[in-house]
């Protein structure tokens, strides 16, 4: 399970609050996320404050890489 994904859910106030904040997804779907879907990363980052680099390092690179680019 992706620790950053779980932290994002908690920081947003839970799966229901996160789903409501980003829109277009059910709380049940958010509850089942093992990792944040690629098309939702930026919204989840905005709502939760958890970096896209933590949420999906496979897409955005590891934390700190943005400074190296």
PDB file of N, CA and C in Angstrom:
ATOM      1  N   UNK A   1       0.844  -1.184   0.000  1.00  0.00           N
ATOM      2  CA  UNK A   1       0.000   0.000   0.000  1.00  0.00           C
ATOM      3  C   UNK A   1       0.887   1.245   0.000  1.00  0.00           C
ATOM      4  N   UNK A   2       0.477   2.251  -0.733  1.00  0.00           N
ATOM      5  CA  UNK A   2       1.242   3.483  -0.870  1.00  0.00           C
ATOM      6  C   UNK A   2       1.010   4.376   0.342  1.00  0.00           C
ATOM      7  N   UNK A   3       2.067   4.592   1.110  1.00  0.00           N
ATOM      8  CA  UNK A   3       1.985   5.399   2.328  1.00  0.00           C
ATOM      9  C   UNK A   3       1.569   6.839   2.019  1.00  0.00           C
ATOM     10  N   UNK A   4       2.078   7.402   0.935  1.00  0.00           N
ATOM     11  CA  UNK A   4       1.732   8.780   0.558  1.00  0.00           C
ATOM     12  C   UNK A   4       0.256   8.893   0.209  1.00  0.00           C
ATOM     13  N   UNK A   5      -0.286   7.891  -0.438  1.00  0.00           N
ATOM     14  CA  UNK A   5      -1.710   7.890  -0.786  1.00  0.00           C
ATOM     15  C   UNK A   5      -2.556   7.886   0.480  1.00  0.00           C
ATOM     16  N   UNK A   6      -2.203   7.062   1.428  1.00  0.00           N
ATOM     17  CA  UNK A   6      -2.946   7.009   2.689  1.00  0.00           C
ATOM     18  C   UNK A   6      -2.828   8.320   3.457  1.00  0.00           C
ATOM     19  N   UNK A   7      -1.636   8.907   3.451  1.00  0.00           N
ATOM     20  CA  UNK A   7      -1.433  10.189   4.124  1.00  0.00           C
ATOM     21  C   UNK A   7      -2.273  11.284   3.467  1.00  0.00           C
ATOM     22  N   UNK A   8      -2.353  11.272   2.148  1.00  0.00           N
ATOM     23  CA  UNK A   8      -3.166  12.262   1.428  1.00  0.00           C
ATOM     24  C   UNK A   8      -4.636  12.129   1.809  1.00  0.00           C
ATOM     25  N   UNK A   9      -5.117  10.901   1.904  1.00  0.00           N
ATOM     26  CA  UNK A   9      -6.514  10.680   2.315  1.00  0.00           C
ATOM     27  C   UNK A   9      -6.750  11.250   3.708  1.00  0.00           C
ATOM     28  N   UNK A  10      -5.838  10.979   4.625  1.00  0.00           N
ATOM     29  CA  UNK A  10      -5.983  11.464   6.000  1.00  0.00           C
ATOM     30  C   UNK A  10      -5.922  12.984   6.068  1.00  0.00           C
ATOM     31  N   UNK A  11      -4.955  13.580   5.384  1.00  0.00           N
ATOM     32  CA  UNK A  11      -4.784  15.031   5.435  1.00  0.00           C
ATOM     33  C   UNK A  11      -5.945  15.774   4.791  1.00  0.00           C
ATOM     34  N   UNK A  12      -6.635  15.125   3.875  1.00  0.00           N
ATOM     35  CA  UNK A  12      -7.796  15.748   3.233  1.00  0.00           C
ATOM     36  C   UNK A  12      -9.050  15.611   4.089  1.00  0.00           C
ATOM     37  N   UNK A  13      -8.965  14.813   5.151  1.00  0.00           N
ATOM     38  CA  UNK A  13     -10.121  14.618   6.022  1.00  0.00           C
ATOM     39  C   UNK A  13     -10.824  13.299   5.803  1.00  0.00           C
ATOM     40  N   UNK A  14     -10.174  12.390   5.107  1.00  0.00           N
ATOM     41  CA  UNK A  14     -10.733  11.073   4.844  1.00  0.00           C
ATOM     42  C   UNK A  14     -11.142  10.928   3.388  1.00  0.00           C
ATOM     43  N   UNK A  15     -11.434   9.693   2.978  1.00  0.00           N
ATOM     44  CA  UNK A  15     -11.794   9.437   1.583  1.00  0.00           C
ATOM     45  C   UNK A  15     -13.015  10.221   1.099  1.00  0.00           C
ATOM     46  N   UNK A  16     -14.014  10.365   1.942  1.00  0.00           N
ATOM     47  CA  UNK A  16     -15.217  11.105   1.538  1.00  0.00           C
ATOM     48  C   UNK A  16     -14.902  12.567   1.281  1.00  0.00           C
ATOM     49  N   UNK A  17     -14.140  13.174   2.177  1.00  0.00           N
ATOM     50  CA  UNK A  17     -13.773  14.584   2.018  1.00  0.00           C
ATOM     51  C   UNK A  17     -12.889  14.784   0.791  1.00  0.00           C
ATOM     52  N   UNK A  18     -11.971  13.869   0.561  1.00  0.00           N
ATOM     53  CA  UNK A  18     -11.095  13.975  -0.603  1.00  0.00           C
ATOM     54  C   UNK A  18     -11.903  13.847  -1.888  1.00  0.00           C
ATOM     55  N   UNK A  19     -12.790  12.875  -1.936  1.00  0.00           N
ATOM     56  CA  UNK A  19     -13.630  12.682  -3.121  1.00  0.00           C
ATOM     57  C   UNK A  19     -14.466  13.921  -3.410  1.00  0.00           C
ATOM     58  N   UNK A  20     -15.045  14.487  -2.378  1.00  0.00           N
ATOM     59  CA  UNK A  20     -15.871  15.682  -2.546  1.00  0.00           C
ATOM     60  C   UNK A  20     -15.032  16.860  -3.028  1.00  0.00           C
ATOM     61  N   UNK A  21     -13.834  17.009  -2.476  1.00  0.00           N
ATOM     62  CA  UNK A  21     -12.968  18.143  -2.821  1.00  0.00           C
ATOM     63  C   UNK A  21     -12.465  18.081  -4.260  1.00  0.00           C
ATOM     64  N   UNK A  22     -12.147  16.886  -4.749  1.00  0.00           N
ATOM     65  CA  UNK A  22     -11.609  16.805  -6.110  1.00  0.00           C
ATOM     66  C   UNK A  22     -12.705  16.616  -7.150  1.00  0.00           C
ATOM     67  N   UNK A  23     -13.847  16.070  -6.737  1.00  0.00           N
ATOM     68  CA  UNK A  23     -14.975  15.911  -7.648  1.00  0.00           C
ATOM     69  C   UNK A  23     -14.766  14.828  -8.696  1.00  0.00           C
ATOM     70  N   UNK A  24     -15.872  14.306  -9.196  1.00  0.00           N
ATOM     71  CA  UNK A  24     -15.820  13.332 -10.273  1.00  0.00           C
ATOM     72  C   UNK A  24     -15.392  11.937  -9.879  1.00  0.00           C
ATOM     73  N   UNK A  25     -15.352  11.674  -8.582  1.00  0.00           N
ATOM     74  CA  UNK A  25     -14.959  10.354  -8.094  1.00  0.00           C
ATOM     75  C   UNK A  25     -15.735  10.083  -6.806  1.00  0.00           C
ATOM     76  N   UNK A  26     -16.073   8.827  -6.584  1.00  0.00           N
ATOM     77  CA  UNK A  26     -16.825   8.474  -5.381  1.00  0.00           C
ATOM     78  C   UNK A  26     -15.886   8.227  -4.209  1.00  0.00           C
ATOM     79  N   UNK A  27     -16.433   8.361  -3.016  1.00  0.00           N
ATOM     80  CA  UNK A  27     -15.628   8.077  -1.826  1.00  0.00           C
ATOM     81  C   UNK A  27     -15.237   6.603  -1.781  1.00  0.00           C
ATOM     82  N   UNK A  28     -16.092   5.741  -2.319  1.00  0.00           N
ATOM     83  CA  UNK A  28     -15.763   4.312  -2.366  1.00  0.00           C
ATOM     84  C   UNK A  28     -14.542   4.064  -3.246  1.00  0.00           C
ATOM     85  N   UNK A  29     -14.476   4.764  -4.372  1.00  0.00           N
ATOM     86  CA  UNK A  29     -13.318   4.611  -5.260  1.00  0.00           C
ATOM     87  C   UNK A  29     -12.048   5.102  -4.569  1.00  0.00           C
ATOM     88  N   UNK A  30     -12.132   6.255  -3.917  1.00  0.00           N
ATOM     89  CA  UNK A  30     -10.970   6.808  -3.211  1.00  0.00           C
ATOM     90  C   UNK A  30     -10.518   5.847  -2.116  1.00  0.00           C
ATOM     91  N   UNK A  31     -11.462   5.255  -1.409  1.00  0.00           N
ATOM     92  CA  UNK A  31     -11.127   4.297  -0.344  1.00  0.00           C
ATOM     93  C   UNK A  31     -10.330   3.117  -0.874  1.00  0.00           C
ATOM     94  N   UNK A  32     -10.568   2.745  -2.117  1.00  0.00           N
ATOM     95  CA  UNK A  32      -9.915   1.574  -2.698  1.00  0.00           C
ATOM     96  C   UNK A  32      -8.575   1.883  -3.356  1.00  0.00           C
ATOM     97  N   UNK A  33      -8.246   3.159  -3.500  1.00  0.00           N
ATOM     98  CA  UNK A  33      -6.981   3.502  -4.150  1.00  0.00           C
ATOM     99  C   UNK A  33      -5.806   2.923  -3.384  1.00  0.00           C
ATOM    100  N   UNK A  34      -4.983   2.138  -4.059  1.00  0.00           N
ATOM    101  CA  UNK A  34      -3.698   1.685  -3.521  1.00  0.00           C
ATOM    102  C   UNK A  34      -2.647   2.763  -3.783  1.00  0.00           C
ATOM    103  N   UNK A  35      -2.812   3.450  -4.897  1.00  0.00           N
ATOM    104  CA  UNK A  35      -2.023   4.633  -5.234  1.00  0.00           C
ATOM    105  C   UNK A  35      -2.941   5.558  -6.025  1.00  0.00           C
ATOM    106  N   UNK A  36      -2.624   6.827  -6.023  1.00  0.00           N
ATOM    107  CA  UNK A  36      -3.467   7.821  -6.681  1.00  0.00           C
ATOM    108  C   UNK A  36      -3.367   7.640  -8.197  1.00  0.00           C
ATOM    109  N   UNK A  37      -4.506   7.547  -8.887  1.00  0.00           N
ATOM    110  CA  UNK A  37      -4.466   7.447 -10.350  1.00  0.00           C
ATOM    111  C   UNK A  37      -3.765   8.668 -10.960  1.00  0.00           C
ATOM    112  N   UNK A  38      -3.057   8.440 -12.045  1.00  0.00           N
ATOM    113  CA  UNK A  38      -2.267   9.501 -12.676  1.00  0.00           C
ATOM    114  C   UNK A  38      -3.092  10.743 -12.986  1.00  0.00           C
ATOM    115  N   UNK A  39      -4.330  10.557 -13.405  1.00  0.00           N
ATOM    116  CA  UNK A  39      -5.159  11.705 -13.773  1.00  0.00           C
ATOM    117  C   UNK A  39      -5.724  12.456 -12.569  1.00  0.00           C
ATOM    118  N   UNK A  40      -5.456  11.978 -11.366  1.00  0.00           N
ATOM    119  CA  UNK A  40      -5.949  12.625 -10.144  1.00  0.00           C
ATOM    120  C   UNK A  40      -4.839  13.215  -9.276  1.00  0.00           C
ATOM    121  N   UNK A  41      -3.599  12.979  -9.641  1.00  0.00           N
ATOM    122  CA  UNK A  41      -2.475  13.362  -8.784  1.00  0.00           C
ATOM    123  C   UNK A  41      -2.457  14.855  -8.465  1.00  0.00           C
ATOM    124  N   UNK A  42      -2.592  15.694  -9.461  1.00  0.00           N
ATOM    125  CA  UNK A  42      -2.483  17.138  -9.224  1.00  0.00           C
ATOM    126  C   UNK A  42      -3.615  17.651  -8.345  1.00  0.00           C
ATOM    127  N   UNK A  43      -4.819  17.106  -8.524  1.00  0.00           N
ATOM    128  CA  UNK A  43      -5.943  17.491  -7.663  1.00  0.00           C
ATOM    129  C   UNK A  43      -5.711  17.041  -6.226  1.00  0.00           C
ATOM    130  N   UNK A  44      -5.227  15.819  -6.058  1.00  0.00           N
ATOM    131  CA  UNK A  44      -4.968  15.297  -4.711  1.00  0.00           C
ATOM    132  C   UNK A  44      -3.857  16.105  -4.048  1.00  0.00           C
ATOM    133  N   UNK A  45      -2.840  16.454  -4.792  1.00  0.00           N
ATOM    134  CA  UNK A  45      -1.759  17.288  -4.254  1.00  0.00           C
ATOM    135  C   UNK A  45      -2.318  18.629  -3.775  1.00  0.00           C
ATOM    136  N   UNK A  46      -3.160  19.251  -4.584  1.00  0.00           N
ATOM    137  CA  UNK A  46      -3.738  20.557  -4.246  1.00  0.00           C
ATOM    138  C   UNK A  46      -4.572  20.487  -2.972  1.00  0.00           C
ATOM    139  N   UNK A  47      -5.373  19.440  -2.839  1.00  0.00           N
ATOM    140  CA  UNK A  47      -6.283  19.309  -1.697  1.00  0.00           C
ATOM    141  C   UNK A  47      -5.556  18.874  -0.428  1.00  0.00           C
ATOM    142  N   UNK A  48      -4.637  17.933  -0.558  1.00  0.00           N
ATOM    143  CA  UNK A  48      -4.013  17.326   0.625  1.00  0.00           C
ATOM    144  C   UNK A  48      -2.693  17.962   1.033  1.00  0.00           C
ATOM    145  N   UNK A  49      -2.014  18.580   0.090  1.00  0.00           N
ATOM    146  CA  UNK A  49      -0.687  19.114   0.375  1.00  0.00           C
ATOM    147  C   UNK A  49       0.422  18.084   0.259  1.00  0.00           C
ATOM    148  N   UNK A  50       0.082  16.853  -0.088  1.00  0.00           N
ATOM    149  CA  UNK A  50       1.092  15.811  -0.281  1.00  0.00           C
ATOM    150  C   UNK A  50       1.638  15.955  -1.703  1.00  0.00           C
ATOM    151  N   UNK A  51       2.937  16.049  -1.820  1.00  0.00           N
ATOM    152  CA  UNK A  51       3.607  16.308  -3.093  1.00  0.00           C
ATOM    153  C   UNK A  51       3.328  15.239  -4.141  1.00  0.00           C
ATOM    154  N   UNK A  52       3.205  15.686  -5.384  1.00  0.00           N
ATOM    155  CA  UNK A  52       3.052  14.762  -6.517  1.00  0.00           C
ATOM    156  C   UNK A  52       4.236  13.808  -6.604  1.00  0.00           C
ATOM    157  N   UNK A  53       5.401  14.264  -6.154  1.00  0.00           N
ATOM    158  CA  UNK A  53       6.603  13.429  -6.187  1.00  0.00           C
ATOM    159  C   UNK A  53       6.518  12.289  -5.173  1.00  0.00           C
ATOM    160  N   UNK A  54       5.799  12.516  -4.083  1.00  0.00           N
ATOM    161  CA  UNK A  54       5.569  11.454  -3.104  1.00  0.00           C
ATOM    162  C   UNK A  54       4.438  10.542  -3.563  1.00  0.00           C
ATOM    163  N   UNK A  55       3.399  11.142  -4.138  1.00  0.00           N
ATOM    164  CA  UNK A  55       2.232  10.368  -4.547  1.00  0.00           C
ATOM    165  C   UNK A  55       2.542   9.429  -5.706  1.00  0.00           C
ATOM    166  N   UNK A  56       3.283   9.915  -6.701  1.00  0.00           N
ATOM    167  CA  UNK A  56       3.585   9.105  -7.883  1.00  0.00           C
ATOM    168  C   UNK A  56       5.013   9.349  -8.372  1.00  0.00           C
ATOM    169  N   UNK A  57       6.006   8.852  -7.625  1.00  0.00           N
ATOM    170  CA  UNK A  57       7.396   9.033  -8.061  1.00  0.00           C
ATOM    171  C   UNK A  57       7.690   8.345  -9.395  1.00  0.00           C
ATOM    172  N   UNK A  58       6.857   7.371  -9.766  1.00  0.00           N
ATOM    173  CA  UNK A  58       7.039   6.700 -11.050  1.00  0.00           C
ATOM    174  C   UNK A  58       6.730   7.631 -12.220  1.00  0.00           C
ATOM    175  N   UNK A  59       5.949   8.669 -11.983  1.00  0.00           N
ATOM    176  CA  UNK A  59       5.591   9.637 -13.024  1.00  0.00           C
ATOM    177  C   UNK A  59       6.391  10.926 -12.870  1.00  0.00           C
ATOM    178  N   UNK A  60       6.443  11.457 -11.647  1.00  0.00           N
ATOM    179  CA  UNK A  60       7.027  12.776 -11.398  1.00  0.00           C
ATOM    180  C   UNK A  60       8.454  12.737 -10.867  1.00  0.00           C
ATOM    181  N   UNK A  61       8.983  11.557 -10.652  1.00  0.00           N
ATOM    182  CA  UNK A  61      10.328  11.432 -10.098  1.00  0.00           C
ATOM    183  C   UNK A  61      10.293  11.545  -8.584  1.00  0.00           C
ATOM    184  N   UNK A  62      11.391  11.185  -7.932  1.00  0.00           N
ATOM    185  CA  UNK A  62      11.433  11.228  -6.472  1.00  0.00           C
ATOM    186  C   UNK A  62      11.422  12.657  -5.944  1.00  0.00           C
ATOM    187  N   UNK A  63      11.111  12.782  -4.667  1.00  0.00           N
ATOM    188  CA  UNK A  63      11.111  14.081  -4.000  1.00  0.00           C
ATOM    189  C   UNK A  63      12.478  14.719  -4.176  1.00  0.00           C
ATOM    190  N   UNK A  64      12.490  16.000  -4.508  1.00  0.00           N
ATOM    191  CA  UNK A  64      13.737  16.721  -4.696  1.00  0.00           C
ATOM    192  C   UNK A  64      14.204  16.782  -6.133  1.00  0.00           C
ATOM    193  N   UNK A  65      13.644  15.970  -6.997  1.00  0.00           N
ATOM    194  CA  UNK A  65      14.080  15.962  -8.391  1.00  0.00           C
ATOM    195  C   UNK A  65      13.713  17.261  -9.103  1.00  0.00           C
ATOM    196  N   UNK A  66      12.624  17.916  -8.690  1.00  0.00           N
ATOM    197  CA  UNK A  66      12.212  19.154  -9.347  1.00  0.00           C
ATOM    198  C   UNK A  66      13.287  20.231  -9.232  1.00  0.00           C
ATOM    199  N   UNK A  67      14.063  20.208  -8.165  1.00  0.00           N
ATOM    200  CA  UNK A  67      15.140  21.184  -7.992  1.00  0.00           C
ATOM    201  C   UNK A  67      16.310  20.887  -8.926  1.00  0.00           C
ATOM    202  N   UNK A  68      16.470  19.628  -9.288  1.00  0.00           N
ATOM    203  CA  UNK A  68      17.583  19.228 -10.136  1.00  0.00           C
ATOM    204  C   UNK A  68      17.307  19.476 -11.615  1.00  0.00           C
ATOM    205  N   UNK A  69      16.055  19.666 -11.961  1.00  0.00           N
ATOM    206  CA  UNK A  69      15.689  19.826 -13.375  1.00  0.00           C
ATOM    207  C   UNK A  69      15.948  21.206 -13.897  1.00  0.00           C
TER     208      UNK A  69
END
